[in-house]
Amino acid sequence: MRAVHEPIAETHETLFYLLLLAVILLFIGVVLTEIREKNAIVAAMNTGKKYFKPPVDLEKR
């Protein structure tokens, strides 16, 4: 039974660390996007409300 259990346990451990890496990369991506675009997307996900900046009227410039 050990011959069957060991490869499954190793695969499970490898997949765990890959999933953990994916979550960390997702978190870093969200933080970088939040900083770069300054549009409070995380706050919008939490509250359900998104506030937009008024559009710039190019003809009035």
N, C-alpha and C. Protein backbone atom coordinates (compact mmCIF):
# COMPACT_ATOMS: atom_id res chain seq x y z
N MET A 1 0.82 -1.20 0.00
CA MET A 1 0.00 0.00 0.00
C MET A 1 0.85 1.25 0.00
N ARG A 2 2.05 1.17 0.57
CA ARG A 2 2.95 2.32 0.62
C ARG A 2 3.35 2.75 -0.79
N ALA A 3 3.44 1.81 -1.71
CA ALA A 3 3.82 2.13 -3.09
C ALA A 3 2.76 3.00 -3.76
N VAL A 4 1.53 2.86 -3.37
CA VAL A 4 0.45 3.68 -3.93
C VAL A 4 0.35 5.01 -3.19
N HIS A 5 0.52 4.97 -1.89
CA HIS A 5 0.33 6.16 -1.06
C HIS A 5 1.41 7.22 -1.30
N GLU A 6 2.64 6.82 -1.45
CA GLU A 6 3.74 7.78 -1.55
C GLU A 6 3.63 8.70 -2.76
N PRO A 7 3.39 8.20 -4.00
CA PRO A 7 3.26 9.13 -5.13
C PRO A 7 2.05 10.06 -5.00
N ILE A 8 0.98 9.57 -4.41
CA ILE A 8 -0.20 10.42 -4.23
C ILE A 8 0.11 11.52 -3.22
N ALA A 9 0.80 11.20 -2.14
CA ALA A 9 1.16 12.20 -1.14
C ALA A 9 2.11 13.24 -1.73
N GLU A 10 3.05 12.82 -2.54
CA GLU A 10 3.98 13.77 -3.16
C GLU A 10 3.26 14.68 -4.14
N THR A 11 2.35 14.11 -4.91
CA THR A 11 1.56 14.91 -5.85
C THR A 11 0.70 15.92 -5.10
N HIS A 12 0.09 15.49 -4.02
CA HIS A 12 -0.74 16.36 -3.20
C HIS A 12 0.08 17.52 -2.63
N GLU A 13 1.26 17.23 -2.15
CA GLU A 13 2.13 18.27 -1.59
C GLU A 13 2.57 19.25 -2.67
N THR A 14 2.93 18.75 -3.84
CA THR A 14 3.35 19.61 -4.95
C THR A 14 2.21 20.52 -5.38
N LEU A 15 1.02 19.97 -5.51
CA LEU A 15 -0.12 20.78 -5.91
C LEU A 15 -0.47 21.83 -4.86
N PHE A 16 -0.29 21.48 -3.59
CA PHE A 16 -0.53 22.45 -2.52
C PHE A 16 0.38 23.65 -2.67
N TYR A 17 1.67 23.40 -2.89
CA TYR A 17 2.61 24.51 -3.02
C TYR A 17 2.38 25.31 -4.30
N LEU A 18 1.96 24.66 -5.37
CA LEU A 18 1.63 25.40 -6.60
C LEU A 18 0.40 26.29 -6.39
N LEU A 19 -0.59 25.78 -5.69
CA LEU A 19 -1.77 26.58 -5.39
C LEU A 19 -1.42 27.76 -4.47
N LEU A 20 -0.58 27.51 -3.50
CA LEU A 20 -0.13 28.57 -2.60
C LEU A 20 0.61 29.65 -3.38
N LEU A 21 1.46 29.25 -4.30
CA LEU A 21 2.18 30.19 -5.16
C LEU A 21 1.19 31.00 -6.01
N ALA A 22 0.18 30.35 -6.56
CA ALA A 22 -0.82 31.05 -7.37
C ALA A 22 -1.57 32.09 -6.54
N VAL A 23 -1.91 31.78 -5.31
CA VAL A 23 -2.61 32.72 -4.44
C VAL A 23 -1.72 33.91 -4.12
N ILE A 24 -0.46 33.66 -3.85
CA ILE A 24 0.48 34.74 -3.55
C ILE A 24 0.66 35.65 -4.77
N LEU A 25 0.80 35.05 -5.95
CA LEU A 25 0.93 35.85 -7.18
C LEU A 25 -0.33 36.66 -7.45
N LEU A 26 -1.49 36.09 -7.18
CA LEU A 26 -2.75 36.81 -7.35
C LEU A 26 -2.80 38.02 -6.41
N PHE A 27 -2.42 37.81 -5.16
CA PHE A 27 -2.42 38.89 -4.19
C PHE A 27 -1.47 40.00 -4.61
N ILE A 28 -0.28 39.65 -5.06
CA ILE A 28 0.70 40.65 -5.53
C ILE A 28 0.15 41.40 -6.74
N GLY A 29 -0.49 40.68 -7.65
CA GLY A 29 -1.08 41.32 -8.83
C GLY A 29 -2.17 42.30 -8.48
N VAL A 30 -3.02 41.95 -7.53
CA VAL A 30 -4.09 42.85 -7.11
C VAL A 30 -3.51 44.10 -6.46
N VAL A 31 -2.52 43.93 -5.60
CA VAL A 31 -1.91 45.08 -4.93
C VAL A 31 -1.23 45.99 -5.96
N LEU A 32 -0.48 45.43 -6.89
CA LEU A 32 0.20 46.24 -7.90
C LEU A 32 -0.80 46.97 -8.80
N THR A 33 -1.89 46.30 -9.17
CA THR A 33 -2.91 46.93 -9.99
C THR A 33 -3.59 48.06 -9.22
N GLU A 34 -3.85 47.82 -7.96
CA GLU A 34 -4.47 48.84 -7.10
C GLU A 34 -3.57 50.08 -7.01
N ILE A 35 -2.28 49.88 -6.86
CA ILE A 35 -1.34 51.00 -6.76
C ILE A 35 -1.19 51.71 -8.09
N ARG A 36 -1.05 50.95 -9.17
CA ARG A 36 -0.80 51.54 -10.48
C ARG A 36 -2.00 52.30 -11.03
N GLU A 37 -3.19 51.70 -10.93
CA GLU A 37 -4.37 52.31 -11.54
C GLU A 37 -5.13 53.23 -10.59
N LYS A 38 -4.92 53.10 -9.30
CA LYS A 38 -5.57 53.93 -8.29
C LYS A 38 -7.08 54.00 -8.49
N ASN A 39 -7.71 52.84 -8.67
CA ASN A 39 -9.15 52.86 -8.90
C ASN A 39 -9.94 52.10 -7.84
N ALA A 40 -9.33 51.71 -6.76
CA ALA A 40 -9.99 51.10 -5.60
C ALA A 40 -10.86 49.91 -5.97
N ILE A 41 -10.32 49.00 -6.75
CA ILE A 41 -11.09 47.84 -7.16
C ILE A 41 -11.35 46.89 -5.99
N VAL A 42 -10.44 46.81 -5.05
CA VAL A 42 -10.65 45.93 -3.90
C VAL A 42 -11.78 46.48 -3.03
N ALA A 43 -11.79 47.77 -2.83
CA ALA A 43 -12.89 48.38 -2.07
C ALA A 43 -14.21 48.17 -2.78
N ALA A 44 -14.21 48.24 -4.10
CA ALA A 44 -15.44 48.02 -4.86
C ALA A 44 -15.92 46.58 -4.72
N MET A 45 -15.01 45.64 -4.64
CA MET A 45 -15.41 44.24 -4.45
C MET A 45 -16.01 44.04 -3.06
N ASN A 46 -15.52 44.75 -2.07
CA ASN A 46 -16.03 44.60 -0.71
C ASN A 46 -17.37 45.29 -0.51
N THR A 47 -17.53 46.49 -1.08
CA THR A 47 -18.75 47.26 -0.85
C THR A 47 -19.79 47.07 -1.93
N GLY A 48 -19.36 46.69 -3.12
CA GLY A 48 -20.29 46.56 -4.24
C GLY A 48 -20.54 47.87 -4.95
N LYS A 49 -19.82 48.93 -4.55
CA LYS A 49 -20.00 50.24 -5.17
C LYS A 49 -18.68 50.69 -5.77
N LYS A 50 -18.74 51.15 -7.01
CA LYS A 50 -17.55 51.62 -7.71
C LYS A 50 -17.77 53.08 -8.06
N TYR A 51 -16.81 53.90 -7.71
CA TYR A 51 -16.91 55.32 -7.99
C TYR A 51 -15.96 55.65 -9.13
N PHE A 52 -16.49 56.34 -10.12
CA PHE A 52 -15.70 56.70 -11.30
C PHE A 52 -15.38 58.17 -11.27
N LYS A 53 -14.22 58.52 -11.79
CA LYS A 53 -13.86 59.91 -11.94
C LYS A 53 -14.69 60.48 -13.11
N PRO A 54 -15.08 61.75 -13.01
CA PRO A 54 -15.83 62.33 -14.13
C PRO A 54 -14.95 62.37 -15.38
N PRO A 55 -15.56 62.13 -16.54
CA PRO A 55 -14.76 62.14 -17.78
C PRO A 55 -14.23 63.54 -18.07
N VAL A 56 -13.08 63.60 -18.67
CA VAL A 56 -12.47 64.87 -19.02
C VAL A 56 -13.02 65.30 -20.37
N ASP A 57 -13.54 66.51 -20.42
CA ASP A 57 -14.06 67.05 -21.67
C ASP A 57 -12.89 67.65 -22.45
N LEU A 58 -12.52 67.02 -23.53
CA LEU A 58 -11.34 67.44 -24.28
C LEU A 58 -11.57 68.74 -25.03
N GLU A 59 -12.82 69.09 -25.36
CA GLU A 59 -13.09 70.32 -26.11
C GLU A 59 -12.93 71.55 -25.23
N LYS A 60 -13.10 71.44 -23.92
CA LYS A 60 -12.98 72.59 -23.04
C LYS A 60 -11.54 72.93 -22.70
N ARG A 61 -10.62 72.10 -23.07
CA ARG A 61 -9.21 72.35 -22.77
C ARG A 61 -8.68 73.40 -23.63
